[in-house]
Amino acid sequence: MPNTFVAFGELLIRLTATGGKLLESLPDLALHVGGAEANVCVGLARLGHATRMISVVPDNALGLAARDELRRWGVDTAGVAQAPGRMGLYFLTPGAIHRPSDIVYDRAGSAFAAADFAAYDWGAALRGADWLHVSGVTAALGEASFNAALAAVKAANAAGVKVSFDCNYRPKLWAAWGGDAPKLIPQLMAGADLIFGGHRDIELVSGQKFADARAAADHAFLSFPRLQRLVCTRREQVSADHNRLAGLMFTRDATLETRMYEVAGIVDRIGGGDAFAAGVLHGLIDGETDAKALDYGIACGCLKHAQPGDLSLATAADLDGFLSGDGFDVRR
């Protein structure tokens, strides 16, 4: 049986200002479907893995469109329920040169945020799963969403399902309801076998400062006995259109780092972290070494920057081609 990857989180529609214009100028808007956990699901499906999404969307055309976009790319959407309510939205003003990107959230009261997961059968939802993926974005939506994510993680722990958790700290979302991120996020971290997060995330939840990333990782391993890997990217920003990117992985007894890649002429960096996560998970699910999994992660993350929208559509052949340095000739 193939390894099955399950993700829990909200599906979103992103509306992006086009033509380099600011949102205040009421520009034309390009629409894309996304969501942190859904992005990872699609990324892994494109890399050849069986993936399943658990979510709630509104029972209207927008909800159906979001659900069906995941199905289009091979994600099992049987766990995506419909309910009364509205679609979660966010508006992106892409950065350019010296102007950073900016996001405006419009997610309050969405069908997902209002959903009642208190009696949800997580045991049934995770049946046959090998991995569960959740993120701090879901926890940031409100107390009910946090409790649902925590229940999913605990059910996965009890069933022997490995858990990957992406910290994905979003201060605007936490501030909207006065959520205590440093208190709540560690409860999800405690159930994770793999955490996507850097030293700033560890500093946030611990209230401490660390001399370097290795020291922060060591603190995480002491704090969370279940944790086996802490993975993140190291990003240098020359401008909004030109970044440099490397991948880092910390285990209890090793530190791994990829080479630094130039990522110039960025098309769209939103979803780059989710693509990186999908690449790392792809390697681990396939039984590759940690070093190879990290290489797949940075390859997938870099390639995402060349593609519009939230979703990573790179294939396994694309990752291998990137890492082998095949060049930029037209494939004929």
Foldseek 3Di string as FASTA:
>chain_A
DFAEEEEEDAKAKEWEAPDLDDVVVVHHTDIFIDTLRLQLQLLLLLQPGAYEYAFEAEPDPVRVVNLVVSVVSPYHDPNYHYDHFHGWYKYWNPADFAGHIDMDTDGPGGPRLPDACPPPDLLVVCVSHQEYEYELVQVLQDDRSLVNLLVNLVSCLVVVHAYEYEHPDDVVSNVVVVHQSLVRVVSSLLSHQEYEDFLVSLCSNVVDDDPDGQRSVLVSCVSHVNYAKYKYKDWADPGSFKIKIKIWMDGNPDIDIDDIHIQGRFPDQAQLQSQLVSQLVSCVSVPHDNNNSNLRSVQRSSVVRNDDHNHRNDYPVSSVCSVVVVDDDDDD
